[in-house]
Amino acid sequence: MSFTQLDPPLPLHVVDRGNGTAVAVIDYGPEFDLLWVVGFDDGGEIWCVPNPQVRLQANWSMGRAKKPATGKVTAIAG
């Protein structure tokens, strides 16, 4: 298990929850999703969010659209 504090924190969008700021990432290993420790903009709650629900926030200069991504996750066959 590893716990990594993000410096600087990373602005994220969590599917079906809204925008927030990731302050850390928890990695329990190859059998688990990464968990993002996110403080939400609305209400200030802090939650651990599984990786499939996390998206980068919109950024006009980087070409990322404003519309939030859907919750659909496509598995990669290996």
PDB file of N, CA and C in Angstrom:
ATOM      1  N   MET A   1       0.847  -1.171   0.000  1.00  0.00           N
ATOM      2  CA  MET A   1       0.000   0.000   0.000  1.00  0.00           C
ATOM      3  C   MET A   1       0.888   1.228   0.000  1.00  0.00           C
ATOM      4  N   SER A   2       0.498   2.212  -0.799  1.00  0.00           N
ATOM      5  CA  SER A   2       1.224   3.480  -0.766  1.00  0.00           C
ATOM      6  C   SER A   2       0.238   4.635  -0.712  1.00  0.00           C
ATOM      7  N   PHE A   3       0.633   5.679  -0.019  1.00  0.00           N
ATOM      8  CA  PHE A   3      -0.146   6.905   0.117  1.00  0.00           C
ATOM      9  C   PHE A   3       0.727   8.031  -0.402  1.00  0.00           C
ATOM     10  N   THR A   4       0.245   8.737  -1.417  1.00  0.00           N
ATOM     11  CA  THR A   4       1.019   9.819  -2.015  1.00  0.00           C
ATOM     12  C   THR A   4       0.261  11.133  -1.884  1.00  0.00           C
ATOM     13  N   GLN A   5       0.849  12.091  -1.168  1.00  0.00           N
ATOM     14  CA  GLN A   5       0.261  13.419  -1.076  1.00  0.00           C
ATOM     15  C   GLN A   5       0.582  14.168  -2.354  1.00  0.00           C
ATOM     16  N   LEU A   6      -0.423  14.800  -2.953  1.00  0.00           N
ATOM     17  CA  LEU A   6      -0.222  15.544  -4.194  1.00  0.00           C
ATOM     18  C   LEU A   6       0.192  16.979  -3.884  1.00  0.00           C
ATOM     19  N   ASP A   7       1.287  17.403  -4.469  1.00  0.00           N
ATOM     20  CA  ASP A   7       1.789  18.764  -4.255  1.00  0.00           C
ATOM     21  C   ASP A   7       2.257  19.322  -5.589  1.00  0.00           C
ATOM     22  N   PRO A   8       1.451  20.134  -6.237  1.00  0.00           N
ATOM     23  CA  PRO A   8       0.238  20.774  -5.743  1.00  0.00           C
ATOM     24  C   PRO A   8      -0.981  19.852  -5.880  1.00  0.00           C
ATOM     25  N   PRO A   9      -2.064  20.176  -5.147  1.00  0.00           N
ATOM     26  CA  PRO A   9      -3.313  19.440  -5.310  1.00  0.00           C
ATOM     27  C   PRO A   9      -3.827  19.561  -6.744  1.00  0.00           C
ATOM     28  N   LEU A  10      -4.656  18.603  -7.162  1.00  0.00           N
ATOM     29  CA  LEU A  10      -5.105  18.513  -8.554  1.00  0.00           C
ATOM     30  C   LEU A  10      -6.616  18.714  -8.637  1.00  0.00           C
ATOM     31  N   PRO A  11      -7.072  19.716  -9.412  1.00  0.00           N
ATOM     32  CA  PRO A  11      -8.518  19.905  -9.561  1.00  0.00           C
ATOM     33  C   PRO A  11      -9.114  18.779 -10.411  1.00  0.00           C
ATOM     34  N   LEU A  12     -10.182  18.151  -9.893  1.00  0.00           N
ATOM     35  CA  LEU A  12     -10.805  17.017 -10.560  1.00  0.00           C
ATOM     36  C   LEU A  12     -12.311  17.193 -10.653  1.00  0.00           C
ATOM     37  N   HIS A  13     -12.919  16.398 -11.542  1.00  0.00           N
ATOM     38  CA  HIS A  13     -14.367  16.249 -11.595  1.00  0.00           C
ATOM     39  C   HIS A  13     -14.670  14.793 -11.271  1.00  0.00           C
ATOM     40  N   VAL A  14     -15.574  14.565 -10.333  1.00  0.00           N
ATOM     41  CA  VAL A  14     -15.978  13.209  -9.977  1.00  0.00           C
ATOM     42  C   VAL A  14     -17.357  12.970 -10.575  1.00  0.00           C
ATOM     43  N   VAL A  15     -17.483  11.907 -11.371  1.00  0.00           N
ATOM     44  CA  VAL A  15     -18.728  11.593 -12.055  1.00  0.00           C
ATOM     45  C   VAL A  15     -19.856  11.475 -11.029  1.00  0.00           C
ATOM     46  N   ASP A  16     -20.959  12.144 -11.286  1.00  0.00           N
ATOM     47  CA  ASP A  16     -22.172  12.148 -10.450  1.00  0.00           C
ATOM     48  C   ASP A  16     -21.990  12.811  -9.090  1.00  0.00           C
ATOM     49  N   ARG A  17     -20.848  13.456  -8.848  1.00  0.00           N
ATOM     50  CA  ARG A  17     -20.625  14.123  -7.558  1.00  0.00           C
ATOM     51  C   ARG A  17     -20.232  15.586  -7.693  1.00  0.00           C
ATOM     52  N   GLY A  18     -19.516  15.952  -8.766  1.00  0.00           N
ATOM     53  CA  GLY A  18     -19.129  17.341  -8.969  1.00  0.00           C
ATOM     54  C   GLY A  18     -17.630  17.559  -8.897  1.00  0.00           C
ATOM     55  N   ASN A  19     -17.268  18.835  -8.839  1.00  0.00           N
ATOM     56  CA  ASN A  19     -15.865  19.230  -8.845  1.00  0.00           C
ATOM     57  C   ASN A  19     -15.270  19.220  -7.444  1.00  0.00           C
ATOM     58  N   GLY A  20     -13.961  18.988  -7.416  1.00  0.00           N
ATOM     59  CA  GLY A  20     -13.252  19.003  -6.154  1.00  0.00           C
ATOM     60  C   GLY A  20     -11.758  19.076  -6.389  1.00  0.00           C
ATOM     61  N   THR A  21     -11.011  18.935  -5.317  1.00  0.00           N
ATOM     62  CA  THR A  21      -9.562  18.993  -5.376  1.00  0.00           C
ATOM     63  C   THR A  21      -8.978  17.729  -4.754  1.00  0.00           C
ATOM     64  N   ALA A  22      -8.172  17.008  -5.525  1.00  0.00           N
ATOM     65  CA  ALA A  22      -7.504  15.815  -5.015  1.00  0.00           C
ATOM     66  C   ALA A  22      -6.267  16.243  -4.247  1.00  0.00           C
ATOM     67  N   VAL A  23      -6.135  15.742  -3.026  1.00  0.00           N
ATOM     68  CA  VAL A  23      -4.986  16.081  -2.199  1.00  0.00           C
ATOM     69  C   VAL A  23      -4.040  14.900  -2.026  1.00  0.00           C
ATOM     70  N   ALA A  24      -4.519  13.677  -2.375  1.00  0.00           N
ATOM     71  CA  ALA A  24      -3.692  12.488  -2.225  1.00  0.00           C
ATOM     72  C   ALA A  24      -4.240  11.354  -3.084  1.00  0.00           C
ATOM     73  N   VAL A  25      -3.401  10.332  -3.279  1.00  0.00           N
ATOM     74  CA  VAL A  25      -3.788   9.109  -3.979  1.00  0.00           C
ATOM     75  C   VAL A  25      -3.353   7.924  -3.118  1.00  0.00           C
ATOM     76  N   ILE A  26      -4.253   6.953  -2.972  1.00  0.00           N
ATOM     77  CA  ILE A  26      -3.949   5.729  -2.230  1.00  0.00           C
ATOM     78  C   ILE A  26      -3.914   4.578  -3.228  1.00  0.00           C
ATOM     79  N   ASP A  27      -2.844   3.789  -3.186  1.00  0.00           N
ATOM     80  CA  ASP A  27      -2.678   2.650  -4.079  1.00  0.00           C
ATOM     81  C   ASP A  27      -2.530   1.383  -3.241  1.00  0.00           C
ATOM     82  N   TYR A  28      -3.556   0.522  -3.302  1.00  0.00           N
ATOM     83  CA  TYR A  28      -3.530  -0.735  -2.543  1.00  0.00           C
ATOM     84  C   TYR A  28      -2.933  -1.885  -3.341  1.00  0.00           C
ATOM     85  N   GLY A  29      -2.504  -1.631  -4.582  1.00  0.00           N
ATOM     86  CA  GLY A  29      -1.877  -2.673  -5.375  1.00  0.00           C
ATOM     87  C   GLY A  29      -2.663  -3.011  -6.629  1.00  0.00           C
ATOM     88  N   PRO A  30      -2.187  -4.015  -7.373  1.00  0.00           N
ATOM     89  CA  PRO A  30      -2.735  -4.309  -8.697  1.00  0.00           C
ATOM     90  C   PRO A  30      -4.165  -4.846  -8.696  1.00  0.00           C
ATOM     91  N   GLU A  31      -4.671  -5.332  -7.578  1.00  0.00           N
ATOM     92  CA  GLU A  31      -6.022  -5.885  -7.546  1.00  0.00           C
ATOM     93  C   GLU A  31      -7.090  -4.849  -7.209  1.00  0.00           C
ATOM     94  N   PHE A  32      -6.698  -3.600  -7.020  1.00  0.00           N
ATOM     95  CA  PHE A  32      -7.625  -2.562  -6.590  1.00  0.00           C
ATOM     96  C   PHE A  32      -7.475  -1.322  -7.455  1.00  0.00           C
ATOM     97  N   ASP A  33      -8.580  -0.541  -7.591  1.00  0.00           N
ATOM     98  CA  ASP A  33      -8.503   0.766  -8.240  1.00  0.00           C
ATOM     99  C   ASP A  33      -7.711   1.724  -7.347  1.00  0.00           C
ATOM    100  N   LEU A  34      -7.054   2.701  -7.968  1.00  0.00           N
ATOM    101  CA  LEU A  34      -6.487   3.795  -7.184  1.00  0.00           C
ATOM    102  C   LEU A  34      -7.635   4.495  -6.472  1.00  0.00           C
ATOM    103  N   LEU A  35      -7.389   5.019  -5.288  1.00  0.00           N
ATOM    104  CA  LEU A  35      -8.371   5.838  -4.576  1.00  0.00           C
ATOM    105  C   LEU A  35      -7.839   7.258  -4.485  1.00  0.00           C
ATOM    106  N   TRP A  36      -8.629   8.199  -4.952  1.00  0.00           N
ATOM    107  CA  TRP A  36      -8.268   9.612  -4.905  1.00  0.00           C
ATOM    108  C   TRP A  36      -8.922  10.224  -3.676  1.00  0.00           C
ATOM    109  N   VAL A  37      -8.151  10.922  -2.851  1.00  0.00           N
ATOM    110  CA  VAL A  37      -8.685  11.623  -1.690  1.00  0.00           C
ATOM    111  C   VAL A  37      -9.067  13.022  -2.173  1.00  0.00           C
ATOM    112  N   VAL A  38     -10.396  13.264  -2.245  1.00  0.00           N
ATOM    113  CA  VAL A  38     -10.912  14.480  -2.884  1.00  0.00           C
ATOM    114  C   VAL A  38     -11.731  15.292  -1.892  1.00  0.00           C
ATOM    115  N   GLY A  39     -11.409  16.582  -1.798  1.00  0.00           N
ATOM    116  CA  GLY A  39     -12.235  17.541  -1.078  1.00  0.00           C
ATOM    117  C   GLY A  39     -13.149  18.211  -2.083  1.00  0.00           C
ATOM    118  N   PHE A  40     -14.457  18.091  -1.893  1.00  0.00           N
ATOM    119  CA  PHE A  40     -15.418  18.620  -2.871  1.00  0.00           C
ATOM    120  C   PHE A  40     -15.659  20.107  -2.678  1.00  0.00           C
ATOM    121  N   ASP A  41     -15.805  20.813  -3.814  1.00  0.00           N
ATOM    122  CA  ASP A  41     -16.040  22.256  -3.794  1.00  0.00           C
ATOM    123  C   ASP A  41     -17.347  22.594  -3.081  1.00  0.00           C
ATOM    124  N   ASP A  42     -18.422  21.846  -3.380  1.00  0.00           N
ATOM    125  CA  ASP A  42     -19.726  22.093  -2.751  1.00  0.00           C
ATOM    126  C   ASP A  42     -19.811  21.302  -1.449  1.00  0.00           C
ATOM    127  N   GLY A  43     -19.820  21.997  -0.340  1.00  0.00           N
ATOM    128  CA  GLY A  43     -19.983  21.347   0.959  1.00  0.00           C
ATOM    129  C   GLY A  43     -18.703  21.026   1.685  1.00  0.00           C
ATOM    130  N   GLY A  44     -17.565  20.921   0.972  1.00  0.00           N
ATOM    131  CA  GLY A  44     -16.289  20.683   1.614  1.00  0.00           C
ATOM    132  C   GLY A  44     -16.058  19.277   2.130  1.00  0.00           C
ATOM    133  N   GLU A  45     -16.950  18.341   1.778  1.00  0.00           N
ATOM    134  CA  GLU A  45     -16.752  16.961   2.224  1.00  0.00           C
ATOM    135  C   GLU A  45     -15.502  16.373   1.594  1.00  0.00           C
ATOM    136  N   ILE A  46     -14.874  15.436   2.298  1.00  0.00           N
ATOM    137  CA  ILE A  46     -13.688  14.744   1.784  1.00  0.00           C
ATOM    138  C   ILE A  46     -14.025  13.262   1.675  1.00  0.00           C
ATOM    139  N   TRP A  47     -13.806  12.696   0.469  1.00  0.00           N
ATOM    140  CA  TRP A  47     -14.115  11.294   0.212  1.00  0.00           C
ATOM    141  C   TRP A  47     -12.973  10.639  -0.543  1.00  0.00           C
ATOM    142  N   CYS A  48     -12.853   9.321  -0.390  1.00  0.00           N
ATOM    143  CA  CYS A  48     -11.955   8.516  -1.224  1.00  0.00           C
ATOM    144  C   CYS A  48     -12.766   8.047  -2.422  1.00  0.00           C
ATOM    145  N   VAL A  49     -12.315   8.400  -3.615  1.00  0.00           N
ATOM    146  CA  VAL A  49     -13.072   8.143  -4.839  1.00  0.00           C
ATOM    147  C   VAL A  49     -12.307   7.139  -5.696  1.00  0.00           C
ATOM    148  N   PRO A  50     -12.972   6.047  -6.147  1.00  0.00           N
ATOM    149  CA  PRO A  50     -12.296   5.074  -7.006  1.00  0.00           C
ATOM    150  C   PRO A  50     -11.938   5.675  -8.366  1.00  0.00           C
ATOM    151  N   ASN A  51     -10.814   5.254  -8.891  1.00  0.00           N
ATOM    152  CA  ASN A  51     -10.261   5.808 -10.123  1.00  0.00           C
ATOM    153  C   ASN A  51     -11.243   5.894 -11.303  1.00  0.00           C
ATOM    154  N   PRO A  52     -12.122   4.892 -11.562  1.00  0.00           N
ATOM    155  CA  PRO A  52     -13.021   4.994 -12.721  1.00  0.00           C
ATOM    156  C   PRO A  52     -13.995   6.173 -12.657  1.00  0.00           C
ATOM    157  N   GLN A  53     -14.193   6.770 -11.482  1.00  0.00           N
ATOM    158  CA  GLN A  53     -15.116   7.888 -11.342  1.00  0.00           C
ATOM    159  C   GLN A  53     -14.442   9.259 -11.470  1.00  0.00           C
ATOM    160  N   VAL A  54     -13.123   9.285 -11.624  1.00  0.00           N
ATOM    161  CA  VAL A  54     -12.357  10.538 -11.591  1.00  0.00           C
ATOM    162  C   VAL A  54     -12.018  10.999 -13.004  1.00  0.00           C
ATOM    163  N   ARG A  55     -12.232  12.289 -13.259  1.00  0.00           N
ATOM    164  CA  ARG A  55     -11.889  12.921 -14.539  1.00  0.00           C
ATOM    165  C   ARG A  55     -11.163  14.235 -14.255  1.00  0.00           C
ATOM    166  N   LEU A  56     -10.326  14.657 -15.194  1.00  0.00           N
ATOM    167  CA  LEU A  56      -9.729  15.984 -15.079  1.00  0.00           C
ATOM    168  C   LEU A  56     -10.809  17.031 -15.300  1.00  0.00           C
ATOM    169  N   GLN A  57     -10.701  18.156 -14.609  1.00  0.00           N
ATOM    170  CA  GLN A  57     -11.642  19.250 -14.844  1.00  0.00           C
ATOM    171  C   GLN A  57     -11.387  19.851 -16.212  1.00  0.00           C
ATOM    172  N   ALA A  58     -12.394  20.557 -16.706  1.00  0.00           N
ATOM    173  CA  ALA A  58     -12.258  21.247 -17.989  1.00  0.00           C
ATOM    174  C   ALA A  58     -11.104  22.246 -17.926  1.00  0.00           C
ATOM    175  N   ASN A  59     -10.395  22.361 -19.041  1.00  0.00           N
ATOM    176  CA  ASN A  59      -9.292  23.311 -19.133  1.00  0.00           C
ATOM    177  C   ASN A  59      -9.212  23.776 -20.582  1.00  0.00           C
ATOM    178  N   TRP A  60      -9.665  24.978 -20.813  1.00  0.00           N
ATOM    179  CA  TRP A  60      -9.753  25.502 -22.170  1.00  0.00           C
ATOM    180  C   TRP A  60      -8.407  25.499 -22.878  1.00  0.00           C
ATOM    181  N   SER A  61      -7.348  25.910 -22.187  1.00  0.00           N
ATOM    182  CA  SER A  61      -6.036  25.990 -22.824  1.00  0.00           C
ATOM    183  C   SER A  61      -5.456  24.619 -23.157  1.00  0.00           C
ATOM    184  N   MET A  62      -5.936  23.557 -22.489  1.00  0.00           N
ATOM    185  CA  MET A  62      -5.478  22.197 -22.779  1.00  0.00           C
ATOM    186  C   MET A  62      -6.420  21.453 -23.716  1.00  0.00           C
ATOM    187  N   GLY A  63      -7.521  22.115 -24.123  1.00  0.00           N
ATOM    188  CA  GLY A  63      -8.453  21.508 -25.067  1.00  0.00           C
ATOM    189  C   GLY A  63      -9.430  20.521 -24.454  1.00  0.00           C
ATOM    190  N   ARG A  64      -9.594  20.529 -23.121  1.00  0.00           N
ATOM    191  CA  ARG A  64     -10.577  19.655 -22.486  1.00  0.00           C
ATOM    192  C   ARG A  64     -11.904  20.383 -22.393  1.00  0.00           C
ATOM    193  N   ALA A  65     -12.952  19.762 -22.928  1.00  0.00           N
ATOM    194  CA  ALA A  65     -14.282  20.366 -22.984  1.00  0.00           C
ATOM    195  C   ALA A  65     -14.856  20.601 -21.590  1.00  0.00           C
ATOM    196  N   LYS A  66     -15.848  21.510 -21.517  1.00  0.00           N
ATOM    197  CA  LYS A  66     -16.494  21.833 -20.258  1.00  0.00           C
ATOM    198  C   LYS A  66     -17.482  20.778 -19.803  1.00  0.00           C
ATOM    199  N   LYS A  67     -18.089  20.043 -20.753  1.00  0.00           N
ATOM    200  CA  LYS A  67     -19.104  19.067 -20.361  1.00  0.00           C
ATOM    201  C   LYS A  67     -18.473  17.943 -19.546  1.00  0.00           C
ATOM    202  N   PRO A  68     -19.089  17.573 -18.420  1.00  0.00           N
ATOM    203  CA  PRO A  68     -18.546  16.486 -17.610  1.00  0.00           C
ATOM    204  C   PRO A  68     -18.661  15.159 -18.333  1.00  0.00           C
ATOM    205  N   ALA A  69     -17.713  14.275 -18.101  1.00  0.00           N
ATOM    206  CA  ALA A  69     -17.715  12.958 -18.710  1.00  0.00           C
ATOM    207  C   ALA A  69     -18.804  12.091 -18.091  1.00  0.00           C
ATOM    208  N   THR A  70     -19.269  11.122 -18.822  1.00  0.00           N
ATOM    209  CA  THR A  70     -20.260  10.194 -18.295  1.00  0.00           C
ATOM    210  C   THR A  70     -19.569   9.167 -17.401  1.00  0.00           C
ATOM    211  N   GLY A  71     -20.361   8.396 -16.700  1.00  0.00           N
ATOM    212  CA  GLY A  71     -19.827   7.380 -15.817  1.00  0.00           C
ATOM    213  C   GLY A  71     -19.452   6.098 -16.521  1.00  0.00           C
ATOM    214  N   LYS A  72     -19.550   6.050 -17.855  1.00  0.00           N
ATOM    215  CA  LYS A  72     -19.246   4.834 -18.589  1.00  0.00           C
ATOM    216  C   LYS A  72     -17.755   4.551 -18.562  1.00  0.00           C
ATOM    217  N   VAL A  73     -17.415   3.323 -18.227  1.00  0.00           N
ATOM    218  CA  VAL A  73     -16.019   2.900 -18.189  1.00  0.00           C
ATOM    219  C   VAL A  73     -15.858   1.743 -19.163  1.00  0.00           C
ATOM    220  N   THR A  74     -14.873   1.848 -20.044  1.00  0.00           N
ATOM    221  CA  THR A  74     -14.610   0.794 -21.013  1.00  0.00           C
ATOM    222  C   THR A  74     -13.414  -0.018 -20.540  1.00  0.00           C
ATOM    223  N   ALA A  75     -13.620  -1.311 -20.386  1.00  0.00           N
ATOM    224  CA  ALA A  75     -12.516  -2.182 -19.966  1.00  0.00           C
ATOM    225  C   ALA A  75     -11.584  -2.432 -21.133  1.00  0.00           C
ATOM    226  N   ILE A  76     -10.311  -2.542 -20.821  1.00  0.00           N
ATOM    227  CA  ILE A  76      -9.307  -2.835 -21.841  1.00  0.00           C
ATOM    228  C   ILE A  76      -9.002  -4.326 -21.769  1.00  0.00           C
ATOM    229  N   ALA A  77      -9.232  -4.998 -22.886  1.00  0.00           N
ATOM    230  CA  ALA A  77      -8.951  -6.437 -22.914  1.00  0.00           C
ATOM    231  C   ALA A  77      -7.463  -6.659 -22.952  1.00  0.00           C
ATOM    232  N   GLY A  78      -6.998  -7.642 -22.205  1.00  0.00           N
ATOM    233  CA  GLY A  78      -5.560  -7.847 -22.158  1.00  0.00           C
ATOM    234  C   GLY A  78      -5.125  -9.239 -22.355  1.00  0.00           C
TER     235      GLY A  78
END
